[in-house]
Amino acid sequence: MAATRIQPSTREIFTTLEYGPVPESHACALAWLDTHNRLLGHYVNGMWLKPEHRNPAPCQDPITGENLASCLQAEAEDISAAVEAARITFKTWSQLPGTARGQHLTRLAKVIQKHQRLLWTLESLVTGRAVREVRDGDIPLAQQLLHYHALQAHAQDSALADWEPLGVIGLILPTSFSFLDMMWRVCPALAMGCTVVALVPPSFPTPLLLAQLDIAALFPAGLVNVVTGDRDHLTRCLALHQDVQAMWYFGSAQGSQFVEWASAGNLKPVWVNRDFPRAWDVEVQGSEQELSLHAARTKALWLPMGD
């Protein structure tokens, strides 16, 4: 039996002269938001977490002001759930050889390529940037980052044999957020064997989509956990949490000072930028190697000494 023809023929196109679908249309991004009933929660342990009695924050189109969706604001209990999921996953993820971690990162690059239209339309919709800027710039660069750090993970077994991953990293992303910002910061942590709890602004849902794609790439659940909410309150919760082994904070000098003070409780390493602008796509200012070193530590060697 002949296959059913869905696409119009050339004769029909020239007869009707109807417009086809616009490649830059935001329809697929809006459809993804509709699958969540325009209410986004947090992505923790490979699942959507939408707890009750949480205040919603609007996610708006910065150009038209239209309310696109609402994001639930996390509380201390949600941070604890995300940290616990990351802590449990770290036990298995850190034990994987660098080759296996590199394969996971390479697989994620392929998943991003498969879902790139959804990523670039959603990022363009919530940031107001041109589609071609995200499509031709951010998405290819994100895939290059994943391939680069996959190679770094491969080389880790020999080059960094005396180093070990820190553990759960609390990642506070800047308020002027983009999809690529998260990739610059998450990739080094994952390549070195750490797990991540990322705090993102509630008006930017792209990291939630990225965390969902991680599961599609067969990442272990709990490897990347994304929560949204009040920046100052949740930063305090992460900095004071005893199971968070390191803090990476991107924000003001005052916030950086507070993170350093609050993290002294369990002597967790801290990386802050004190609101210093950095061009992450410029090798001199970028921090792939810098953050990679801050995601690991030398193994402790106890040498018993006699009298």
C-alpha atoms as a PDB file:
ATOM      1  CA  MET A   1       0.000   0.000   0.000  1.00  0.00           C
ATOM      2  CA  ALA A   2       1.340   3.407  -0.934  1.00  0.00           C
ATOM      3  CA  ALA A   3       2.506   5.650   1.894  1.00  0.00           C
ATOM      4  CA  THR A   4       0.241   8.529   2.847  1.00  0.00           C
ATOM      5  CA  ARG A   5       1.595  11.877   1.636  1.00  0.00           C
ATOM      6  CA  ILE A   6       1.589  14.512   4.374  1.00  0.00           C
ATOM      7  CA  GLN A   7       3.720  17.272   2.865  1.00  0.00           C
ATOM      8  CA  PRO A   8       2.058  19.358   0.094  1.00  0.00           C
ATOM      9  CA  SER A   9       3.294  18.884  -3.440  1.00  0.00           C
ATOM     10  CA  THR A  10       5.172  21.588  -5.328  1.00  0.00           C
ATOM     11  CA  ARG A  11       2.088  22.251  -7.497  1.00  0.00           C
ATOM     12  CA  GLU A  12      -0.066  22.761  -4.380  1.00  0.00           C
ATOM     13  CA  ILE A  13       2.465  25.135  -2.854  1.00  0.00           C
ATOM     14  CA  PHE A  14       2.554  27.335  -5.959  1.00  0.00           C
ATOM     15  CA  THR A  15      -1.242  27.176  -6.289  1.00  0.00           C
ATOM     16  CA  THR A  16      -2.044  28.260  -2.715  1.00  0.00           C
ATOM     17  CA  LEU A  17       1.131  30.310  -2.037  1.00  0.00           C
ATOM     18  CA  GLU A  18       0.675  29.629   1.685  1.00  0.00           C
ATOM     19  CA  TYR A  19       3.506  30.313   4.076  1.00  0.00           C
ATOM     20  CA  GLY A  20       5.316  27.363   5.575  1.00  0.00           C
ATOM     21  CA  PRO A  21       6.442  27.110   9.202  1.00  0.00           C
ATOM     22  CA  VAL A  22       9.007  29.746  10.190  1.00  0.00           C
ATOM     23  CA  PRO A  23      12.279  28.167  11.374  1.00  0.00           C
ATOM     24  CA  GLU A  24      12.628  30.892  14.027  1.00  0.00           C
ATOM     25  CA  SER A  25       9.123  30.328  15.397  1.00  0.00           C
ATOM     26  CA  HIS A  26       8.791  29.960  19.170  1.00  0.00           C
ATOM     27  CA  ALA A  27       6.010  27.385  18.745  1.00  0.00           C
ATOM     28  CA  CYS A  28       8.047  24.403  19.972  1.00  0.00           C
ATOM     29  CA  ALA A  29       9.225  26.307  23.064  1.00  0.00           C
ATOM     30  CA  LEU A  30       5.656  27.295  23.900  1.00  0.00           C
ATOM     31  CA  ALA A  31       4.548  23.697  23.332  1.00  0.00           C
ATOM     32  CA  TRP A  32       7.195  22.509  25.829  1.00  0.00           C
ATOM     33  CA  LEU A  33       5.913  25.015  28.375  1.00  0.00           C
ATOM     34  CA  ASP A  34       2.370  23.787  27.707  1.00  0.00           C
ATOM     35  CA  THR A  35       3.408  20.232  28.607  1.00  0.00           C
ATOM     36  CA  HIS A  36       4.070  21.584  32.101  1.00  0.00           C
ATOM     37  CA  ASN A  37       0.840  23.613  32.171  1.00  0.00           C
ATOM     38  CA  ARG A  38       3.011  26.730  32.205  1.00  0.00           C
ATOM     39  CA  LEU A  39       4.108  25.907  35.772  1.00  0.00           C
ATOM     40  CA  LEU A  40       7.729  24.896  36.216  1.00  0.00           C
ATOM     41  CA  GLY A  41       9.190  23.488  39.397  1.00  0.00           C
ATOM     42  CA  HIS A  42      12.687  22.202  40.093  1.00  0.00           C
ATOM     43  CA  TYR A  43      14.560  19.342  38.472  1.00  0.00           C
ATOM     44  CA  VAL A  44      15.939  17.139  41.254  1.00  0.00           C
ATOM     45  CA  ASN A  45      17.153  13.538  41.120  1.00  0.00           C
ATOM     46  CA  GLY A  46      16.017  13.118  37.513  1.00  0.00           C
ATOM     47  CA  MET A  47      12.426  14.172  38.241  1.00  0.00           C
ATOM     48  CA  TRP A  48      10.315  17.299  38.229  1.00  0.00           C
ATOM     49  CA  LEU A  49       9.745  18.525  41.755  1.00  0.00           C
ATOM     50  CA  LYS A  50       6.678  20.721  42.212  1.00  0.00           C
ATOM     51  CA  PRO A  51       6.072  20.959  45.963  1.00  0.00           C
ATOM     52  CA  GLU A  52       2.919  22.526  47.304  1.00  0.00           C
ATOM     53  CA  HIS A  53       2.764  25.831  49.158  1.00  0.00           C
ATOM     54  CA  ARG A  54       5.548  27.467  47.140  1.00  0.00           C
ATOM     55  CA  ASN A  55       5.337  31.009  45.844  1.00  0.00           C
ATOM     56  CA  PRO A  56       5.429  31.261  42.029  1.00  0.00           C
ATOM     57  CA  ALA A  57       7.676  33.729  40.219  1.00  0.00           C
ATOM     58  CA  PRO A  58       6.738  34.928  36.715  1.00  0.00           C
ATOM     59  CA  CYS A  59       8.787  34.075  33.648  1.00  0.00           C
ATOM     60  CA  GLN A  60       8.092  36.811  31.111  1.00  0.00           C
ATOM     61  CA  ASP A  61       8.950  37.583  27.540  1.00  0.00           C
ATOM     62  CA  PRO A  62      11.412  40.482  27.947  1.00  0.00           C
ATOM     63  CA  ILE A  63      10.288  42.042  24.658  1.00  0.00           C
ATOM     64  CA  THR A  64       6.502  41.934  24.917  1.00  0.00           C
ATOM     65  CA  GLY A  65       6.127  41.534  28.678  1.00  0.00           C
ATOM     66  CA  GLU A  66       3.845  38.534  28.156  1.00  0.00           C
ATOM     67  CA  ASN A  67       3.731  36.059  31.035  1.00  0.00           C
ATOM     68  CA  LEU A  68       5.108  32.822  29.565  1.00  0.00           C
ATOM     69  CA  ALA A  69       5.068  30.610  32.666  1.00  0.00           C
ATOM     70  CA  SER A  70       5.518  30.568  36.414  1.00  0.00           C
ATOM     71  CA  CYS A  71       8.467  29.047  38.274  1.00  0.00           C
ATOM     72  CA  LEU A  72       8.089  27.829  41.838  1.00  0.00           C
ATOM     73  CA  GLN A  73      10.527  29.347  44.314  1.00  0.00           C
ATOM     74  CA  ALA A  74      12.475  26.772  46.288  1.00  0.00           C
ATOM     75  CA  GLU A  75      12.790  26.628  50.055  1.00  0.00           C
ATOM     76  CA  ALA A  76      15.400  25.084  52.341  1.00  0.00           C
ATOM     77  CA  GLU A  77      13.737  21.649  52.130  1.00  0.00           C
ATOM     78  CA  ASP A  78      14.086  21.650  48.340  1.00  0.00           C
ATOM     79  CA  ILE A  79      17.772  22.533  48.620  1.00  0.00           C
ATOM     80  CA  SER A  80      18.237  19.662  51.065  1.00  0.00           C
ATOM     81  CA  ALA A  81      16.537  17.236  48.669  1.00  0.00           C
ATOM     82  CA  ALA A  82      18.756  18.378  45.790  1.00  0.00           C
ATOM     83  CA  VAL A  83      21.941  18.116  47.859  1.00  0.00           C
ATOM     84  CA  GLU A  84      20.982  14.657  49.089  1.00  0.00           C
ATOM     85  CA  ALA A  85      20.359  13.464  45.519  1.00  0.00           C
ATOM     86  CA  ALA A  86      23.706  14.900  44.398  1.00  0.00           C
ATOM     87  CA  ARG A  87      25.501  13.340  47.384  1.00  0.00           C
ATOM     88  CA  ILE A  88      24.159   9.859  46.640  1.00  0.00           C
ATOM     89  CA  THR A  89      24.944  10.126  42.919  1.00  0.00           C
ATOM     90  CA  PHE A  90      28.471  11.340  43.655  1.00  0.00           C
ATOM     91  CA  LYS A  91      29.338   7.967  45.170  1.00  0.00           C
ATOM     92  CA  THR A  92      28.895   6.218  41.826  1.00  0.00           C
ATOM     93  CA  TRP A  93      29.778   9.061  39.428  1.00  0.00           C
ATOM     94  CA  SER A  94      33.137   9.774  41.081  1.00  0.00           C
ATOM     95  CA  GLN A  95      34.093   6.088  40.881  1.00  0.00           C
ATOM     96  CA  LEU A  96      33.602   5.926  37.129  1.00  0.00           C
ATOM     97  CA  PRO A  97      36.804   6.051  35.094  1.00  0.00           C
ATOM     98  CA  GLY A  98      37.408   9.253  33.173  1.00  0.00           C
ATOM     99  CA  THR A  99      36.700   7.431  29.912  1.00  0.00           C
ATOM    100  CA  ALA A 100      33.166   6.582  31.045  1.00  0.00           C
ATOM    101  CA  ARG A 101      32.473  10.152  32.167  1.00  0.00           C
ATOM    102  CA  GLY A 102      33.762  11.406  28.837  1.00  0.00           C
ATOM    103  CA  GLN A 103      31.349   9.113  27.010  1.00  0.00           C
ATOM    104  CA  HIS A 104      28.450  10.568  28.994  1.00  0.00           C
ATOM    105  CA  LEU A 105      29.490  14.128  28.068  1.00  0.00           C
ATOM    106  CA  THR A 106      29.804  13.165  24.406  1.00  0.00           C
ATOM    107  CA  ARG A 107      26.347  11.601  24.531  1.00  0.00           C
ATOM    108  CA  LEU A 108      24.927  14.825  25.985  1.00  0.00           C
ATOM    109  CA  ALA A 109      26.422  16.785  23.084  1.00  0.00           C
ATOM    110  CA  LYS A 110      24.522  14.533  20.676  1.00  0.00           C
ATOM    111  CA  VAL A 111      21.278  14.982  22.658  1.00  0.00           C
ATOM    112  CA  ILE A 112      21.716  18.769  22.513  1.00  0.00           C
ATOM    113  CA  GLN A 113      22.189  18.531  18.753  1.00  0.00           C
ATOM    114  CA  LYS A 114      19.018  16.453  18.495  1.00  0.00           C
ATOM    115  CA  HIS A 115      16.953  18.945  20.513  1.00  0.00           C
ATOM    116  CA  GLN A 116      18.723  22.085  19.381  1.00  0.00           C
ATOM    117  CA  ARG A 117      15.610  23.721  17.912  1.00  0.00           C
ATOM    118  CA  LEU A 118      13.829  23.512  21.265  1.00  0.00           C
ATOM    119  CA  LEU A 119      16.886  24.862  23.068  1.00  0.00           C
ATOM    120  CA  TRP A 120      17.495  27.823  20.817  1.00  0.00           C
ATOM    121  CA  THR A 121      13.842  28.845  20.592  1.00  0.00           C
ATOM    122  CA  LEU A 122      13.353  28.644  24.374  1.00  0.00           C
ATOM    123  CA  GLU A 123      16.572  30.540  25.062  1.00  0.00           C
ATOM    124  CA  SER A 124      15.632  33.206  22.527  1.00  0.00           C
ATOM    125  CA  LEU A 125      12.123  33.481  23.938  1.00  0.00           C
ATOM    126  CA  VAL A 126      13.104  34.036  27.581  1.00  0.00           C
ATOM    127  CA  THR A 127      16.202  36.193  26.988  1.00  0.00           C
ATOM    128  CA  GLY A 128      15.011  38.327  24.067  1.00  0.00           C
ATOM    129  CA  ARG A 129      18.097  37.485  22.025  1.00  0.00           C
ATOM    130  CA  ALA A 130      17.927  36.827  18.301  1.00  0.00           C
ATOM    131  CA  VAL A 131      17.378  33.198  17.347  1.00  0.00           C
ATOM    132  CA  ARG A 132      20.294  33.203  14.936  1.00  0.00           C
ATOM    133  CA  GLU A 133      22.616  34.384  17.731  1.00  0.00           C
ATOM    134  CA  VAL A 134      21.714  31.418  19.930  1.00  0.00           C
ATOM    135  CA  ARG A 135      21.400  28.951  17.061  1.00  0.00           C
ATOM    136  CA  ASP A 136      24.692  29.808  15.333  1.00  0.00           C
ATOM    137  CA  GLY A 137      26.684  30.737  18.433  1.00  0.00           C
ATOM    138  CA  ASP A 138      25.614  29.261  21.757  1.00  0.00           C
ATOM    139  CA  ILE A 139      24.433  25.816  20.660  1.00  0.00           C
ATOM    140  CA  PRO A 140      27.546  24.865  18.614  1.00  0.00           C
ATOM    141  CA  LEU A 141      29.817  26.268  21.321  1.00  0.00           C
ATOM    142  CA  ALA A 142      27.997  24.258  24.000  1.00  0.00           C
ATOM    143  CA  GLN A 143      28.630  21.085  22.001  1.00  0.00           C
ATOM    144  CA  GLN A 144      32.297  22.016  21.586  1.00  0.00           C
ATOM    145  CA  LEU A 145      32.580  22.527  25.349  1.00  0.00           C
ATOM    146  CA  LEU A 146      31.168  19.080  26.005  1.00  0.00           C
ATOM    147  CA  HIS A 147      33.568  17.453  23.532  1.00  0.00           C
ATOM    148  CA  TYR A 148      36.506  19.381  25.011  1.00  0.00           C
ATOM    149  CA  HIS A 149      35.746  18.330  28.573  1.00  0.00           C
ATOM    150  CA  ALA A 150      35.060  14.781  27.427  1.00  0.00           C
ATOM    151  CA  LEU A 151      38.683  14.707  26.262  1.00  0.00           C
ATOM    152  CA  GLN A 152      39.749  16.228  29.563  1.00  0.00           C
ATOM    153  CA  ALA A 153      37.927  13.468  31.403  1.00  0.00           C
ATOM    154  CA  HIS A 154      39.661  10.860  29.226  1.00  0.00           C
ATOM    155  CA  ALA A 155      43.057  12.307  30.121  1.00  0.00           C
ATOM    156  CA  GLN A 156      42.275  12.634  33.818  1.00  0.00           C
ATOM    157  CA  ASP A 157      43.134   9.047  34.712  1.00  0.00           C
ATOM    158  CA  SER A 158      46.766   9.544  33.691  1.00  0.00           C
ATOM    159  CA  ALA A 159      47.365  13.294  33.981  1.00  0.00           C
ATOM    160  CA  LEU A 160      45.568  13.751  37.325  1.00  0.00           C
ATOM    161  CA  ALA A 161      46.084  10.349  38.881  1.00  0.00           C
ATOM    162  CA  ASP A 162      46.831  11.863  42.300  1.00  0.00           C
ATOM    163  CA  TRP A 163      43.726  14.082  42.300  1.00  0.00           C
ATOM    164  CA  GLU A 164      40.191  13.275  43.395  1.00  0.00           C
ATOM    165  CA  PRO A 165      36.859  15.087  42.863  1.00  0.00           C
ATOM    166  CA  LEU A 166      35.620  17.305  45.670  1.00  0.00           C
ATOM    167  CA  GLY A 167      32.008  16.132  45.864  1.00  0.00           C
ATOM    168  CA  VAL A 168      28.791  18.141  45.644  1.00  0.00           C
ATOM    169  CA  ILE A 169      29.338  21.634  44.212  1.00  0.00           C
ATOM    170  CA  GLY A 170      26.857  24.415  44.911  1.00  0.00           C
ATOM    171  CA  LEU A 171      26.710  26.552  41.778  1.00  0.00           C
ATOM    172  CA  ILE A 172      25.174  30.042  42.012  1.00  0.00           C
ATOM    173  CA  LEU A 173      24.681  31.381  38.497  1.00  0.00           C
ATOM    174  CA  PRO A 174      24.594  35.113  37.693  1.00  0.00           C
ATOM    175  CA  THR A 175      21.349  37.037  37.367  1.00  0.00           C
ATOM    176  CA  SER A 176      22.247  38.066  33.809  1.00  0.00           C
ATOM    177  CA  PHE A 177      21.959  34.467  32.735  1.00  0.00           C
ATOM    178  CA  SER A 178      22.296  32.613  29.448  1.00  0.00           C
ATOM    179  CA  PHE A 179      22.251  28.950  28.511  1.00  0.00           C
ATOM    180  CA  LEU A 180      25.933  29.057  27.657  1.00  0.00           C
ATOM    181  CA  ASP A 181      26.822  30.482  31.090  1.00  0.00           C
ATOM    182  CA  MET A 182      25.664  27.265  32.698  1.00  0.00           C
ATOM    183  CA  MET A 183      27.597  25.103  30.240  1.00  0.00           C
ATOM    184  CA  TRP A 184      30.858  26.956  30.925  1.00  0.00           C
ATOM    185  CA  ARG A 185      30.497  26.219  34.627  1.00  0.00           C
ATOM    186  CA  VAL A 186      28.910  22.759  34.743  1.00  0.00           C
ATOM    187  CA  CYS A 187      31.167  20.979  32.246  1.00  0.00           C
ATOM    188  CA  PRO A 188      34.414  21.209  34.298  1.00  0.00           C
ATOM    189  CA  ALA A 189      32.656  19.941  37.414  1.00  0.00           C
ATOM    190  CA  LEU A 190      31.142  16.919  35.667  1.00  0.00           C
ATOM    191  CA  ALA A 191      34.361  16.053  33.854  1.00  0.00           C
ATOM    192  CA  MET A 192      36.296  15.992  37.127  1.00  0.00           C
ATOM    193  CA  GLY A 193      33.750  13.658  38.750  1.00  0.00           C
ATOM    194  CA  CYS A 194      31.699  16.098  40.836  1.00  0.00           C
ATOM    195  CA  THR A 195      27.926  16.489  41.044  1.00  0.00           C
ATOM    196  CA  VAL A 196      26.127  19.832  40.889  1.00  0.00           C
ATOM    197  CA  VAL A 197      23.282  21.667  42.582  1.00  0.00           C
ATOM    198  CA  ALA A 198      22.669  24.770  40.459  1.00  0.00           C
ATOM    199  CA  LEU A 199      20.691  27.793  41.587  1.00  0.00           C
ATOM    200  CA  VAL A 200      19.306  29.703  38.611  1.00  0.00           C
ATOM    201  CA  PRO A 201      17.089  32.788  38.288  1.00  0.00           C
ATOM    202  CA  PRO A 202      13.387  31.814  38.073  1.00  0.00           C
ATOM    203  CA  SER A 203      12.905  33.835  34.891  1.00  0.00           C
ATOM    204  CA  PHE A 204      15.245  31.568  32.872  1.00  0.00           C
ATOM    205  CA  PRO A 205      13.870  28.018  32.478  1.00  0.00           C
ATOM    206  CA  THR A 206      16.497  26.832  29.970  1.00  0.00           C
ATOM    207  CA  PRO A 207      18.640  25.128  32.685  1.00  0.00           C
ATOM    208  CA  LEU A 208      15.598  23.079  33.692  1.00  0.00           C
ATOM    209  CA  LEU A 209      15.312  21.873  30.110  1.00  0.00           C
ATOM    210  CA  LEU A 210      19.047  21.122  30.065  1.00  0.00           C
ATOM    211  CA  ALA A 211      18.729  19.037  33.232  1.00  0.00           C
ATOM    212  CA  GLN A 212      15.877  17.123  31.597  1.00  0.00           C
ATOM    213  CA  LEU A 213      18.073  16.461  28.550  1.00  0.00           C
ATOM    214  CA  ASP A 214      20.772  15.100  30.875  1.00  0.00           C
ATOM    215  CA  ILE A 215      18.450  12.226  31.723  1.00  0.00           C
ATOM    216  CA  ALA A 216      17.778  11.731  28.007  1.00  0.00           C
ATOM    217  CA  ALA A 217      21.560  11.380  27.630  1.00  0.00           C
ATOM    218  CA  LEU A 218      21.469   8.570  30.217  1.00  0.00           C
ATOM    219  CA  PHE A 219      23.146  10.673  32.901  1.00  0.00           C
ATOM    220  CA  PRO A 220      22.694   9.261  36.410  1.00  0.00           C
ATOM    221  CA  ALA A 221      19.724  10.824  38.183  1.00  0.00           C
ATOM    222  CA  GLY A 222      20.932  13.438  40.644  1.00  0.00           C
ATOM    223  CA  LEU A 223      24.041  14.361  38.670  1.00  0.00           C
ATOM    224  CA  VAL A 224      22.765  17.851  37.772  1.00  0.00           C
ATOM    225  CA  ASN A 225      20.032  19.269  39.997  1.00  0.00           C
ATOM    226  CA  VAL A 226      18.491  22.652  39.175  1.00  0.00           C
ATOM    227  CA  VAL A 227      16.475  24.767  41.605  1.00  0.00           C
ATOM    228  CA  THR A 228      15.028  28.251  41.221  1.00  0.00           C
ATOM    229  CA  GLY A 229      14.088  30.832  43.793  1.00  0.00           C
ATOM    230  CA  ASP A 230      15.261  33.693  45.973  1.00  0.00           C
ATOM    231  CA  ARG A 231      18.973  34.068  45.290  1.00  0.00           C
ATOM    232  CA  ASP A 232      20.153  35.349  48.681  1.00  0.00           C
ATOM    233  CA  HIS A 233      18.095  32.917  50.770  1.00  0.00           C
ATOM    234  CA  LEU A 234      19.029  29.823  48.765  1.00  0.00           C
ATOM    235  CA  THR A 235      22.689  30.844  48.552  1.00  0.00           C
ATOM    236  CA  ARG A 236      22.737  30.912  52.331  1.00  0.00           C
ATOM    237  CA  CYS A 237      21.152  27.454  52.470  1.00  0.00           C
ATOM    238  CA  LEU A 238      23.776  26.009  50.125  1.00  0.00           C
ATOM    239  CA  ALA A 239      26.719  27.716  51.803  1.00  0.00           C
ATOM    240  CA  LEU A 240      25.691  26.496  55.255  1.00  0.00           C
ATOM    241  CA  HIS A 241      24.861  22.947  54.141  1.00  0.00           C
ATOM    242  CA  GLN A 242      27.353  20.472  55.528  1.00  0.00           C
ATOM    243  CA  ASP A 243      27.079  18.059  52.566  1.00  0.00           C
ATOM    244  CA  VAL A 244      28.024  20.715  49.980  1.00  0.00           C
ATOM    245  CA  GLN A 245      31.774  20.328  49.488  1.00  0.00           C
ATOM    246  CA  ALA A 246      32.451  23.444  47.390  1.00  0.00           C
ATOM    247  CA  MET A 247      30.756  26.698  46.371  1.00  0.00           C
ATOM    248  CA  TRP A 248      31.092  28.499  43.064  1.00  0.00           C
ATOM    249  CA  TYR A 249      29.467  31.910  43.304  1.00  0.00           C
ATOM    250  CA  PHE A 250      29.007  34.360  40.457  1.00  0.00           C
ATOM    251  CA  GLY A 251      27.665  37.649  41.735  1.00  0.00           C
ATOM    252  CA  SER A 252      28.347  40.807  43.692  1.00  0.00           C
ATOM    253  CA  ALA A 253      31.350  41.497  45.890  1.00  0.00           C
ATOM    254  CA  GLN A 254      29.077  41.598  48.944  1.00  0.00           C
ATOM    255  CA  GLY A 255      27.536  38.231  48.061  1.00  0.00           C
ATOM    256  CA  SER A 256      30.984  36.770  47.430  1.00  0.00           C
ATOM    257  CA  GLN A 257      32.115  37.906  50.869  1.00  0.00           C
ATOM    258  CA  PHE A 258      29.088  36.304  52.513  1.00  0.00           C
ATOM    259  CA  VAL A 259      29.649  32.985  50.716  1.00  0.00           C
ATOM    260  CA  GLU A 260      33.262  32.931  51.894  1.00  0.00           C
ATOM    261  CA  TRP A 261      32.157  33.567  55.479  1.00  0.00           C
ATOM    262  CA  ALA A 262      29.288  31.038  55.472  1.00  0.00           C
ATOM    263  CA  SER A 263      31.380  28.308  53.822  1.00  0.00           C
ATOM    264  CA  ALA A 264      33.965  28.370  56.601  1.00  0.00           C
ATOM    265  CA  GLY A 265      31.714  26.150  58.731  1.00  0.00           C
ATOM    266  CA  ASN A 266      32.910  22.930  57.084  1.00  0.00           C
ATOM    267  CA  LEU A 267      35.977  24.454  55.424  1.00  0.00           C
ATOM    268  CA  LYS A 268      34.527  24.040  51.936  1.00  0.00           C
ATOM    269  CA  PRO A 269      36.569  25.513  49.068  1.00  0.00           C
ATOM    270  CA  VAL A 270      35.019  28.617  47.523  1.00  0.00           C
ATOM    271  CA  TRP A 271      35.398  30.187  44.078  1.00  0.00           C
ATOM    272  CA  VAL A 272      33.932  33.682  43.718  1.00  0.00           C
ATOM    273  CA  ASN A 273      34.268  36.333  41.032  1.00  0.00           C
ATOM    274  CA  ARG A 274      33.258  39.401  43.108  1.00  0.00           C
ATOM    275  CA  ASP A 275      31.146  40.776  40.258  1.00  0.00           C
ATOM    276  CA  PHE A 276      34.194  40.936  38.005  1.00  0.00           C
ATOM    277  CA  PRO A 277      33.037  40.617  34.376  1.00  0.00           C
ATOM    278  CA  ARG A 278      34.691  37.821  32.452  1.00  0.00           C
ATOM    279  CA  ALA A 279      34.381  36.872  28.799  1.00  0.00           C
ATOM    280  CA  TRP A 280      33.971  33.115  29.112  1.00  0.00           C
ATOM    281  CA  ASP A 281      34.507  32.545  25.393  1.00  0.00           C
ATOM    282  CA  VAL A 282      37.944  34.237  25.511  1.00  0.00           C
ATOM    283  CA  GLU A 283      40.754  31.871  26.436  1.00  0.00           C
ATOM    284  CA  VAL A 284      42.612  34.413  28.595  1.00  0.00           C
ATOM    285  CA  GLN A 285      39.537  35.232  30.710  1.00  0.00           C
ATOM    286  CA  GLY A 286      37.778  31.873  30.473  1.00  0.00           C
ATOM    287  CA  SER A 287      38.069  29.516  33.364  1.00  0.00           C
ATOM    288  CA  GLU A 288      37.808  25.927  32.137  1.00  0.00           C
ATOM    289  CA  GLN A 289      41.191  24.906  33.546  1.00  0.00           C
ATOM    290  CA  GLU A 290      40.754  27.158  36.574  1.00  0.00           C
ATOM    291  CA  LEU A 291      37.383  25.657  37.502  1.00  0.00           C
ATOM    292  CA  SER A 292      38.640  22.150  36.753  1.00  0.00           C
ATOM    293  CA  LEU A 293      41.355  22.601  39.367  1.00  0.00           C
ATOM    294  CA  HIS A 294      38.781  23.955  41.806  1.00  0.00           C
ATOM    295  CA  ALA A 295      36.665  20.817  41.290  1.00  0.00           C
ATOM    296  CA  ALA A 296      39.386  18.456  42.525  1.00  0.00           C
ATOM    297  CA  ARG A 297      41.953  18.148  45.260  1.00  0.00           C
ATOM    298  CA  THR A 298      45.082  16.140  45.819  1.00  0.00           C
ATOM    299  CA  LYS A 299      44.536  12.838  47.538  1.00  0.00           C
ATOM    300  CA  ALA A 300      45.414  12.819  51.213  1.00  0.00           C
ATOM    301  CA  LEU A 301      48.369  10.588  51.962  1.00  0.00           C
ATOM    302  CA  TRP A 302      48.818   9.532  55.577  1.00  0.00           C
ATOM    303  CA  LEU A 303      52.353   8.496  56.310  1.00  0.00           C
ATOM    304  CA  PRO A 304      52.674   6.878  59.738  1.00  0.00           C
ATOM    305  CA  MET A 305      55.876   7.990  61.402  1.00  0.00           C
ATOM    306  CA  GLY A 306      57.459   6.177  64.289  1.00  0.00           C
ATOM    307  CA  ASP A 307      59.383   7.676  67.125  1.00  0.00           C
END
